């Protein structure tokens, strides 16, 4: 087995957050779609509610603003 392949594989792992955590974060994003940037207090609350780390919540929002938010906004303009 090639050592570089093994190292590459370990960096490519995907981490799936619990469904309940995603539901909490997605609900927050939907409610705050006009300004989807939680302040420190909101982020701390989301950390407690989801069981994720502050870094995980921050990364989730970074990705969600790129991937989910355009879809949420597009769906709302269709209605």
N, C-alpha and C. Protein backbone atom coordinates (compact mmCIF):
# COMPACT_ATOMS: atom_id res chain seq x y z
N UNK A 1 0.85 -1.19 0.00
CA UNK A 1 0.00 0.00 0.00
C UNK A 1 0.89 1.24 0.00
N UNK A 2 0.55 2.20 -0.79
CA UNK A 2 1.32 3.42 -0.92
C UNK A 2 1.01 4.35 0.26
N UNK A 3 2.04 4.84 0.94
CA UNK A 3 1.84 5.68 2.12
C UNK A 3 1.17 7.00 1.75
N UNK A 4 1.51 7.56 0.60
CA UNK A 4 0.89 8.83 0.20
C UNK A 4 -0.60 8.66 -0.09
N UNK A 5 -0.96 7.51 -0.63
CA UNK A 5 -2.37 7.23 -0.88
C UNK A 5 -3.13 7.16 0.45
N UNK A 6 -2.54 6.51 1.42
CA UNK A 6 -3.17 6.39 2.72
C UNK A 6 -3.37 7.76 3.37
N UNK A 7 -2.35 8.61 3.30
CA UNK A 7 -2.46 9.95 3.88
C UNK A 7 -3.53 10.75 3.14
N UNK A 8 -3.58 10.61 1.83
CA UNK A 8 -4.57 11.33 1.04
C UNK A 8 -5.98 10.87 1.40
N UNK A 9 -6.15 9.57 1.56
CA UNK A 9 -7.47 9.04 1.91
C UNK A 9 -7.94 9.58 3.26
N UNK A 10 -7.04 9.68 4.23
CA UNK A 10 -7.45 10.13 5.56
C UNK A 10 -7.86 11.60 5.53
N UNK A 11 -7.30 12.39 4.63
CA UNK A 11 -7.68 13.80 4.53
C UNK A 11 -9.00 13.97 3.79
N UNK A 12 -9.42 12.99 3.07
CA UNK A 12 -10.63 13.10 2.25
C UNK A 12 -11.87 12.57 2.95
N UNK A 13 -11.76 12.16 4.17
CA UNK A 13 -12.93 11.64 4.87
C UNK A 13 -14.00 12.71 4.98
N UNK A 14 -15.22 12.29 4.83
CA UNK A 14 -16.33 13.21 5.05
C UNK A 14 -16.89 12.96 6.44
N UNK A 15 -17.34 14.00 7.04
CA UNK A 15 -17.92 13.89 8.38
C UNK A 15 -19.38 14.30 8.27
N UNK A 16 -20.22 13.40 8.65
CA UNK A 16 -21.64 13.69 8.59
C UNK A 16 -22.12 14.03 10.00
N UNK A 17 -22.73 15.18 10.12
CA UNK A 17 -23.26 15.60 11.42
C UNK A 17 -24.59 14.91 11.67
N UNK A 18 -24.97 14.78 12.94
CA UNK A 18 -26.27 14.16 13.25
C UNK A 18 -27.42 14.92 12.60
N UNK A 19 -28.42 14.18 12.18
CA UNK A 19 -29.58 14.77 11.51
C UNK A 19 -30.23 15.86 12.36
N UNK A 20 -30.32 15.65 13.67
CA UNK A 20 -30.94 16.63 14.55
C UNK A 20 -30.16 17.95 14.53
N UNK A 21 -28.83 17.86 14.48
CA UNK A 21 -28.00 19.06 14.44
C UNK A 21 -28.24 19.82 13.13
N UNK A 22 -28.31 19.08 12.03
CA UNK A 22 -28.54 19.71 10.73
C UNK A 22 -29.91 20.39 10.70
N UNK A 23 -30.91 19.76 11.31
CA UNK A 23 -32.24 20.36 11.35
C UNK A 23 -32.23 21.68 12.12
N UNK A 24 -31.52 21.71 13.25
CA UNK A 24 -31.43 22.94 14.05
C UNK A 24 -30.73 24.04 13.25
N UNK A 25 -29.60 23.70 12.63
CA UNK A 25 -28.83 24.68 11.88
C UNK A 25 -29.59 25.17 10.64
N UNK A 26 -30.25 24.26 9.95
CA UNK A 26 -31.01 24.64 8.76
C UNK A 26 -32.20 25.53 9.13
N UNK A 27 -32.85 25.23 10.24
CA UNK A 27 -33.96 26.07 10.69
C UNK A 27 -33.47 27.48 11.00
N UNK A 28 -32.33 27.58 11.67
CA UNK A 28 -31.77 28.90 11.98
C UNK A 28 -31.44 29.64 10.68
N UNK A 29 -30.81 28.96 9.75
CA UNK A 29 -30.44 29.57 8.47
C UNK A 29 -31.68 30.07 7.73
N UNK A 30 -32.73 29.28 7.72
CA UNK A 30 -33.97 29.66 7.03
C UNK A 30 -34.59 30.90 7.66
N UNK A 31 -34.61 30.94 8.99
CA UNK A 31 -35.20 32.08 9.70
C UNK A 31 -34.37 33.36 9.52
N UNK A 32 -33.07 33.19 9.32
CA UNK A 32 -32.16 34.34 9.24
C UNK A 32 -31.54 34.48 7.85
N UNK A 33 -32.27 34.08 6.82
CA UNK A 33 -31.69 34.05 5.47
C UNK A 33 -31.31 35.43 4.96
N UNK A 34 -31.91 36.49 5.50
CA UNK A 34 -31.54 37.84 5.07
C UNK A 34 -30.20 38.29 5.66
N UNK A 35 -29.82 37.72 6.79
CA UNK A 35 -28.51 38.00 7.41
C UNK A 35 -28.04 36.70 8.07
N UNK A 36 -27.49 35.77 7.28
CA UNK A 36 -27.18 34.42 7.77
C UNK A 36 -25.85 34.30 8.51
N UNK A 37 -25.58 35.25 9.40
CA UNK A 37 -24.33 35.27 10.14
C UNK A 37 -24.64 35.32 11.63
N UNK A 38 -24.62 34.17 12.32
CA UNK A 38 -24.92 34.18 13.75
C UNK A 38 -23.85 34.95 14.52
N UNK A 39 -24.29 35.77 15.49
CA UNK A 39 -23.31 36.44 16.34
C UNK A 39 -22.78 35.44 17.36
N UNK A 40 -21.87 35.87 18.20
CA UNK A 40 -21.23 34.94 19.14
C UNK A 40 -22.23 34.27 20.08
N UNK A 41 -23.22 35.03 20.56
CA UNK A 41 -24.22 34.45 21.46
C UNK A 41 -25.09 33.43 20.73
N UNK A 42 -25.49 33.75 19.52
CA UNK A 42 -26.30 32.82 18.73
C UNK A 42 -25.50 31.56 18.41
N UNK A 43 -24.23 31.75 18.07
CA UNK A 43 -23.39 30.60 17.74
C UNK A 43 -23.20 29.71 18.98
N UNK A 44 -23.02 30.32 20.15
CA UNK A 44 -22.87 29.55 21.38
C UNK A 44 -24.15 28.75 21.67
N UNK A 45 -25.30 29.37 21.42
CA UNK A 45 -26.57 28.67 21.60
C UNK A 45 -26.68 27.49 20.64
N UNK A 46 -26.28 27.70 19.39
CA UNK A 46 -26.33 26.62 18.40
C UNK A 46 -25.37 25.49 18.77
N UNK A 47 -24.22 25.83 19.32
CA UNK A 47 -23.27 24.81 19.78
C UNK A 47 -23.90 23.96 20.86
N UNK A 48 -24.55 24.60 21.83
CA UNK A 48 -25.21 23.86 22.92
C UNK A 48 -26.35 23.00 22.39
N UNK A 49 -27.14 23.55 21.48
CA UNK A 49 -28.32 22.83 20.97
C UNK A 49 -27.95 21.66 20.06
N UNK A 50 -26.83 21.78 19.34
CA UNK A 50 -26.46 20.74 18.37
C UNK A 50 -25.46 19.73 18.90
N UNK A 51 -24.68 20.13 19.91
CA UNK A 51 -23.62 19.24 20.39
C UNK A 51 -22.37 19.28 19.52
N UNK A 52 -22.35 20.16 18.53
CA UNK A 52 -21.17 20.32 17.67
C UNK A 52 -20.22 21.31 18.32
N UNK A 53 -18.99 21.35 17.83
CA UNK A 53 -18.03 22.32 18.34
C UNK A 53 -18.28 23.68 17.66
N UNK A 54 -17.70 24.72 18.24
CA UNK A 54 -17.82 26.05 17.65
C UNK A 54 -17.25 26.06 16.24
N UNK A 55 -16.13 25.37 16.05
CA UNK A 55 -15.51 25.31 14.73
C UNK A 55 -16.41 24.58 13.73
N UNK A 56 -17.03 23.49 14.17
CA UNK A 56 -17.93 22.75 13.28
C UNK A 56 -19.13 23.60 12.87
N UNK A 57 -19.69 24.33 13.81
CA UNK A 57 -20.83 25.20 13.49
C UNK A 57 -20.38 26.29 12.52
N UNK A 58 -19.23 26.88 12.77
CA UNK A 58 -18.72 27.91 11.87
C UNK A 58 -18.49 27.39 10.46
N UNK A 59 -17.89 26.22 10.35
CA UNK A 59 -17.66 25.62 9.03
C UNK A 59 -18.98 25.26 8.35
N UNK A 60 -19.93 24.76 9.15
CA UNK A 60 -21.23 24.41 8.56
C UNK A 60 -21.86 25.65 7.93
N UNK A 61 -21.84 26.79 8.64
CA UNK A 61 -22.43 28.00 8.10
C UNK A 61 -21.69 28.51 6.87
N UNK A 62 -20.37 28.41 6.87
CA UNK A 62 -19.60 28.81 5.69
C UNK A 62 -20.06 28.01 4.47
N UNK A 63 -20.15 26.70 4.64
CA UNK A 63 -20.58 25.83 3.53
C UNK A 63 -22.05 26.07 3.17
N UNK A 64 -22.89 26.23 4.18
CA UNK A 64 -24.32 26.40 3.93
C UNK A 64 -24.62 27.70 3.19
N UNK A 65 -23.88 28.76 3.50
CA UNK A 65 -24.10 30.03 2.79
C UNK A 65 -23.76 29.87 1.31
N UNK A 66 -22.80 29.03 1.00
CA UNK A 66 -22.43 28.79 -0.40
C UNK A 66 -23.37 27.81 -1.09
N UNK A 67 -23.75 26.76 -0.38
CA UNK A 67 -24.47 25.65 -1.02
C UNK A 67 -25.98 25.71 -0.82
N UNK A 68 -26.42 25.98 0.40
CA UNK A 68 -27.86 25.91 0.70
C UNK A 68 -28.59 27.23 0.52
N UNK A 69 -27.96 28.32 0.91
CA UNK A 69 -28.64 29.61 0.90
C UNK A 69 -29.15 30.01 -0.48
N UNK A 70 -28.36 29.86 -1.54
CA UNK A 70 -28.91 30.19 -2.86
C UNK A 70 -30.16 29.37 -3.21
N UNK A 71 -30.17 28.11 -2.81
CA UNK A 71 -31.34 27.26 -3.07
C UNK A 71 -32.54 27.71 -2.24
N UNK A 72 -32.30 28.06 -0.97
CA UNK A 72 -33.39 28.54 -0.12
C UNK A 72 -34.00 29.81 -0.70
N UNK A 73 -33.15 30.72 -1.11
CA UNK A 73 -33.64 31.98 -1.66
C UNK A 73 -34.37 31.76 -2.98
N UNK A 74 -33.88 30.86 -3.81
CA UNK A 74 -34.53 30.57 -5.09
C UNK A 74 -35.90 29.94 -4.86
N UNK A 75 -35.98 29.03 -3.89
CA UNK A 75 -37.27 28.39 -3.59
C UNK A 75 -38.29 29.41 -3.09
N UNK A 76 -37.84 30.38 -2.31
CA UNK A 76 -38.76 31.38 -1.78
C UNK A 76 -39.24 32.35 -2.85
N UNK A 77 -38.42 32.62 -3.85
CA UNK A 77 -38.86 33.53 -4.91
C UNK A 77 -39.85 32.85 -5.85
N UNK A 78 -39.84 31.52 -5.89
CA UNK A 78 -40.78 30.77 -6.73
C UNK A 78 -42.19 30.82 -6.15
N UNK A 79 -42.29 30.96 -4.84
CA UNK A 79 -43.60 30.92 -4.17
C UNK A 79 -44.36 32.20 -4.33
